[in-house]
Amino acid sequence: MGRPDRGFEAAAEDHRTHGRNVADMFGRIAPWYDLLNHVLSLGQDYLWRYRLARLVRPVGRGPLLDLAAGTLDVSTELLRQYPENKVLALDFALPMLAEGARKKIKDAREGRIFPVQADGRCLPLPDASVDGATIAFGIRNIKPREDAWREVLRVLKPGARFCVLEFGTGSRRVWKGLYNFYLDKLLPGIGRIVSGDSGAYRYLADTIKSFPDERTLEDEILAAGFARVTHVPLCSGIVFIHVAEKAGAAEVEQESKITAD
């Protein structure tokens, strides 16, 4: 067997370095993360998380996966809406999980939410082991995204949903360019004032502006093997919820028959 292609090795190292840098950055802003989310979204983040969790519709009472769980806001909303399910809260940035666990895993939530440091490109979960999955404002931070799509597809049970809450592409003018001005000028400034780290929020703005539009993202998710993908725009397309569904058992059986024939 020949040596791995040097271009592949370089790309893999770039992705590892990117992951470490992103984890370090979120670790620095963890104490201010929740406050900034509420301030920068004008409180809309509560509604966004509610609607995200509402669309999961677990296929059973098994565990739910909250990928890029951060400070556990989505995890707690999932548990509130689906108290019969447990939540596996996975994130690459340990300080974010620690901050969320300290503040939010109390009383009835103890033993129901399980924070675990993990890489979204290599999930420490068995095949077909979760009844639904979410990721909120985290897929932009995973490179390559295709690895995350495939891993989530692998761990979902047949018929289960993966619900993705993410900003729309910042390259499109929204509200006559007011949103774009907000991304370029206000977002980094507010982040610097509150957290002292303007670089983190400059990174946020840059990744939003370079993110693919909703149609391109849907094609990407379908290419990873999901059976169906739909999207729901929020706030004039500033934010989207993408709902990707794994093929059900009957569909997989039918496809196997067609292949065999």
Protein backbone atom coordinates (compact mmCIF):
# COMPACT_ATOMS: atom_id res chain seq x y z
CA MET A 1 0.00 0.00 0.00
CA GLY A 2 1.40 3.40 -0.99
CA ARG A 3 1.85 6.37 1.29
CA PRO A 4 -1.15 8.69 1.80
CA ASP A 5 -1.36 11.59 -0.62
CA ARG A 6 0.45 14.63 0.78
CA GLY A 7 -2.43 16.87 -0.22
CA PHE A 8 -4.80 14.72 1.82
CA GLU A 9 -2.43 14.82 4.80
CA ALA A 10 -2.16 18.61 4.59
CA ALA A 11 -5.94 19.02 4.40
CA ALA A 12 -6.43 16.71 7.38
CA GLU A 13 -3.90 18.69 9.42
CA ASP A 14 -5.61 21.96 8.43
CA HIS A 15 -8.93 20.55 9.68
CA ARG A 16 -7.37 19.42 12.96
CA THR A 17 -5.79 22.83 13.48
CA HIS A 18 -9.08 24.55 12.65
CA GLY A 19 -10.90 22.37 15.19
CA ARG A 20 -8.40 23.18 17.94
CA ASN A 21 -8.54 26.90 17.19
CA VAL A 22 -12.35 26.95 17.24
CA ALA A 23 -12.45 24.99 20.50
CA ASP A 24 -9.95 27.40 22.08
CA MET A 25 -11.94 30.41 20.88
CA PHE A 26 -15.23 29.15 22.29
CA GLY A 27 -13.46 28.20 25.48
CA ARG A 28 -12.39 31.84 25.92
CA ILE A 29 -15.90 33.25 25.50
CA ALA A 30 -17.80 30.50 27.36
CA PRO A 31 -18.69 32.70 30.41
CA TRP A 32 -20.35 35.32 28.16
CA TYR A 33 -21.76 33.03 25.50
CA ASP A 34 -25.36 32.81 26.73
CA LEU A 35 -25.62 36.53 27.41
CA LEU A 36 -24.27 37.42 23.98
CA ASN A 37 -26.65 34.97 22.29
CA HIS A 38 -29.63 36.66 23.93
CA VAL A 39 -28.37 40.20 23.28
CA LEU A 40 -27.21 39.68 19.69
CA SER A 41 -30.44 37.91 18.66
CA LEU A 42 -32.66 40.38 20.55
CA GLY A 43 -34.03 37.44 22.47
CA GLN A 44 -35.11 35.53 19.34
CA ASP A 45 -32.78 32.64 20.18
CA TYR A 46 -35.33 31.31 22.69
CA LEU A 47 -37.94 30.97 19.95
CA TRP A 48 -35.43 29.50 17.51
CA ARG A 49 -34.43 26.75 19.94
CA TYR A 50 -38.07 26.01 20.76
CA ARG A 51 -38.92 25.54 17.10
CA LEU A 52 -35.78 23.50 16.47
CA ALA A 53 -36.64 21.05 19.25
CA ARG A 54 -40.29 20.96 18.19
CA LEU A 55 -39.31 19.63 14.77
CA VAL A 56 -37.20 16.73 16.07
CA ARG A 57 -40.19 14.44 16.79
CA PRO A 58 -38.20 11.47 18.17
CA VAL A 59 -38.96 8.07 16.70
CA GLY A 60 -38.96 6.51 20.18
CA ARG A 61 -37.96 7.04 23.79
CA GLY A 62 -34.27 6.42 23.28
CA PRO A 63 -31.49 9.02 23.57
CA LEU A 64 -31.39 12.23 21.56
CA LEU A 65 -28.14 13.71 20.26
CA ASP A 66 -27.42 17.43 20.66
CA LEU A 67 -24.26 17.99 18.61
CA ALA A 68 -22.18 21.13 19.20
CA ALA A 69 -24.22 21.41 22.39
CA GLY A 70 -22.25 24.36 23.77
CA THR A 71 -23.73 25.59 27.03
CA LEU A 72 -26.65 23.14 26.76
CA ASP A 73 -29.50 25.52 25.86
CA VAL A 74 -30.76 23.19 23.12
CA SER A 75 -30.19 20.14 25.32
CA THR A 76 -32.39 21.57 28.06
CA GLU A 77 -35.08 22.52 25.55
CA LEU A 78 -35.05 18.99 24.12
CA LEU A 79 -35.45 17.57 27.61
CA ARG A 80 -38.28 20.01 28.37
CA GLN A 81 -40.21 18.99 25.26
CA TYR A 82 -39.34 15.28 25.40
CA PRO A 83 -38.96 14.39 29.09
CA GLU A 84 -39.13 10.67 28.32
CA ASN A 85 -35.85 10.88 26.33
CA LYS A 86 -32.33 11.41 27.62
CA VAL A 87 -30.00 13.87 25.85
CA LEU A 88 -26.43 13.21 24.80
CA ALA A 89 -24.80 16.66 24.69
CA LEU A 90 -21.60 16.49 22.63
CA ASP A 91 -19.20 19.36 21.93
CA PHE A 92 -15.52 19.78 21.04
CA ALA A 93 -15.09 22.72 23.47
CA LEU A 94 -14.98 21.36 27.00
CA PRO A 95 -15.23 24.79 28.74
CA MET A 96 -18.57 25.39 27.00
CA LEU A 97 -19.96 22.10 28.28
CA ALA A 98 -18.59 22.77 31.77
CA GLU A 99 -20.22 26.22 31.84
CA GLY A 100 -23.56 24.79 30.76
CA ALA A 101 -23.41 21.86 33.16
CA ARG A 102 -22.59 24.13 36.11
CA LYS A 103 -25.59 26.37 35.46
CA LYS A 104 -28.21 24.11 33.90
CA ILE A 105 -27.89 20.49 35.01
CA LYS A 106 -29.71 20.61 38.32
CA ASP A 107 -32.54 18.81 40.07
CA ALA A 108 -34.72 16.95 37.55
CA ARG A 109 -32.14 17.40 34.78
CA GLU A 110 -29.48 15.41 36.63
CA GLY A 111 -29.05 12.02 35.05
CA ARG A 112 -31.03 13.16 31.98
CA ILE A 113 -28.45 15.29 30.13
CA PHE A 114 -24.98 13.83 29.55
CA PRO A 115 -22.28 16.33 28.44
CA VAL A 116 -19.39 14.66 26.59
CA GLN A 117 -16.41 16.21 24.84
CA ALA A 118 -16.36 14.74 21.33
CA ASP A 119 -15.51 15.46 17.70
CA GLY A 120 -18.54 15.78 15.43
CA ARG A 121 -16.61 14.05 12.65
CA CYS A 122 -16.13 10.87 14.73
CA LEU A 123 -18.97 10.36 17.18
CA PRO A 124 -18.41 7.95 20.09
CA LEU A 125 -21.80 6.33 19.51
CA PRO A 126 -22.96 3.01 18.00
CA ASP A 127 -24.76 2.80 14.67
CA ALA A 128 -28.50 3.51 14.76
CA SER A 129 -28.44 4.45 18.45
CA VAL A 130 -30.26 7.81 18.70
CA ASP A 131 -33.91 8.69 18.16
CA GLY A 132 -33.26 12.21 16.84
CA ALA A 133 -30.49 14.78 16.62
CA THR A 134 -29.90 18.54 16.57
CA ILE A 135 -27.12 20.98 15.93
CA ALA A 136 -27.56 24.72 16.55
CA PHE A 137 -25.11 27.22 15.06
CA GLY A 138 -22.38 24.61 15.06
CA ILE A 139 -22.15 23.05 11.63
CA ARG A 140 -20.24 26.12 10.34
CA ASN A 141 -17.44 25.25 12.75
CA ILE A 142 -16.92 21.65 11.56
CA LYS A 143 -14.57 20.97 8.65
CA PRO A 144 -15.24 19.10 6.50
CA ARG A 145 -19.01 19.28 7.05
CA GLU A 146 -19.51 16.13 5.02
CA ASP A 147 -17.90 14.06 7.77
CA ALA A 148 -20.41 15.38 10.31
CA TRP A 149 -23.40 14.71 8.01
CA ARG A 150 -22.28 11.10 7.52
CA GLU A 151 -21.59 10.52 11.21
CA VAL A 152 -24.99 11.83 12.30
CA LEU A 153 -26.65 9.72 9.60
CA ARG A 154 -24.79 6.68 10.91
CA VAL A 155 -25.94 7.08 14.53
CA LEU A 156 -29.57 7.95 13.75
CA LYS A 157 -32.18 5.22 13.86
CA PRO A 158 -34.16 4.61 10.64
CA GLY A 159 -36.78 7.31 10.14
CA ALA A 160 -35.19 9.68 12.70
CA ARG A 161 -34.61 13.38 12.05
CA PHE A 162 -31.54 15.59 12.20
CA CYS A 163 -32.61 19.21 12.74
CA VAL A 164 -30.06 21.90 11.92
CA LEU A 165 -30.44 25.48 13.17
CA GLU A 166 -28.08 27.76 11.29
CA PHE A 167 -27.71 31.25 9.90
CA GLY A 168 -28.52 31.73 6.24
CA THR A 169 -25.79 32.88 3.93
CA GLY A 170 -24.57 36.35 4.85
CA SER A 171 -23.76 37.02 1.20
CA ARG A 172 -27.46 37.73 0.51
CA ARG A 173 -28.74 41.21 1.30
CA VAL A 174 -31.38 41.05 4.05
CA TRP A 175 -33.48 43.99 5.25
CA LYS A 176 -31.95 46.20 2.53
CA GLY A 177 -28.44 45.47 3.73
CA LEU A 178 -29.06 46.31 7.39
CA TYR A 179 -28.29 42.77 8.48
CA ASN A 180 -25.07 42.77 6.46
CA PHE A 181 -24.01 46.01 8.16
CA TYR A 182 -24.77 44.37 11.49
CA LEU A 183 -22.51 41.42 10.62
CA ASP A 184 -19.65 43.58 9.42
CA LYS A 185 -19.66 46.38 11.97
CA LEU A 186 -21.88 45.83 15.01
CA LEU A 187 -21.39 42.14 15.77
CA PRO A 188 -17.60 42.23 16.35
CA GLY A 189 -17.90 45.47 18.34
CA ILE A 190 -20.59 44.17 20.67
CA GLY A 191 -18.66 40.94 21.13
CA ARG A 192 -15.53 42.89 22.07
CA ILE A 193 -17.38 45.11 24.57
CA VAL A 194 -19.07 42.21 26.37
CA SER A 195 -16.44 39.47 26.18
CA GLY A 196 -13.26 41.38 25.39
CA ASP A 197 -12.75 39.11 22.36
CA SER A 198 -13.66 40.81 19.09
CA GLY A 199 -11.83 38.11 17.13
CA ALA A 200 -14.37 35.47 18.09
CA TYR A 201 -17.24 37.53 16.75
CA ARG A 202 -15.30 38.57 13.67
CA TYR A 203 -14.89 34.85 13.03
CA LEU A 204 -18.65 34.40 13.51
CA ALA A 205 -19.43 37.12 10.98
CA ASP A 206 -16.94 35.74 8.45
CA THR A 207 -18.32 32.20 8.66
CA ILE A 208 -21.89 33.45 8.22
CA LYS A 209 -20.92 35.43 5.13
CA SER A 210 -19.13 32.47 3.57
CA PHE A 211 -21.81 29.91 4.44
CA PRO A 212 -23.72 28.28 1.54
CA ASP A 213 -27.33 29.21 0.86
CA GLU A 214 -30.16 26.95 1.95
CA ARG A 215 -30.52 25.15 -1.41
CA THR A 216 -26.81 24.36 -1.63
CA LEU A 217 -26.79 23.12 1.96
CA GLU A 218 -29.77 20.86 1.27
CA ASP A 219 -27.97 19.35 -1.73
CA GLU A 220 -24.95 18.74 0.49
CA ILE A 221 -27.02 16.94 3.13
CA LEU A 222 -28.80 14.81 0.53
CA ALA A 223 -25.44 13.87 -0.99
CA ALA A 224 -24.39 12.53 2.42
CA GLY A 225 -27.22 9.97 2.24
CA PHE A 226 -30.25 11.50 3.95
CA ALA A 227 -33.55 10.53 2.34
CA ARG A 228 -35.30 13.90 2.60
CA VAL A 229 -34.39 17.48 3.54
CA THR A 230 -36.66 20.49 3.99
CA HIS A 231 -36.03 23.94 5.41
CA VAL A 232 -37.94 26.55 7.38
CA PRO A 233 -36.85 30.21 7.11
CA LEU A 234 -36.98 32.41 10.21
CA CYS A 235 -36.53 36.19 10.49
CA SER A 236 -36.66 36.78 6.73
CA GLY A 237 -34.06 34.10 6.08
CA ILE A 238 -31.47 35.32 8.57
CA VAL A 239 -31.86 31.89 10.20
CA PHE A 240 -33.01 28.55 8.81
CA ILE A 241 -34.00 25.26 10.34
CA HIS A 242 -33.08 22.37 8.05
CA VAL A 243 -34.87 19.09 8.75
CA ALA A 244 -33.04 16.04 7.37
CA GLU A 245 -34.57 12.59 7.69
CA LYS A 246 -32.88 9.22 7.53
CA ALA A 247 -34.64 6.62 5.40
CA GLY A 248 -37.04 4.44 7.35
CA ALA A 249 -36.63 0.69 7.73
CA ALA A 250 -39.21 -0.03 5.03
CA GLU A 251 -37.45 2.29 2.57
CA VAL A 252 -34.08 0.68 3.25
CA GLU A 253 -35.58 -2.79 2.72
CA GLN A 254 -37.23 -1.72 -0.54
CA GLU A 255 -34.00 -0.19 -1.82
CA SER A 256 -32.11 -3.39 -0.93
CA LYS A 257 -34.61 -5.41 -2.97
CA ILE A 258 -34.24 -3.10 -5.96
CA THR A 259 -30.44 -3.35 -5.74
CA ALA A 260 -30.62 -7.13 -5.51
CA ASP A 261 -32.85 -7.33 -8.56
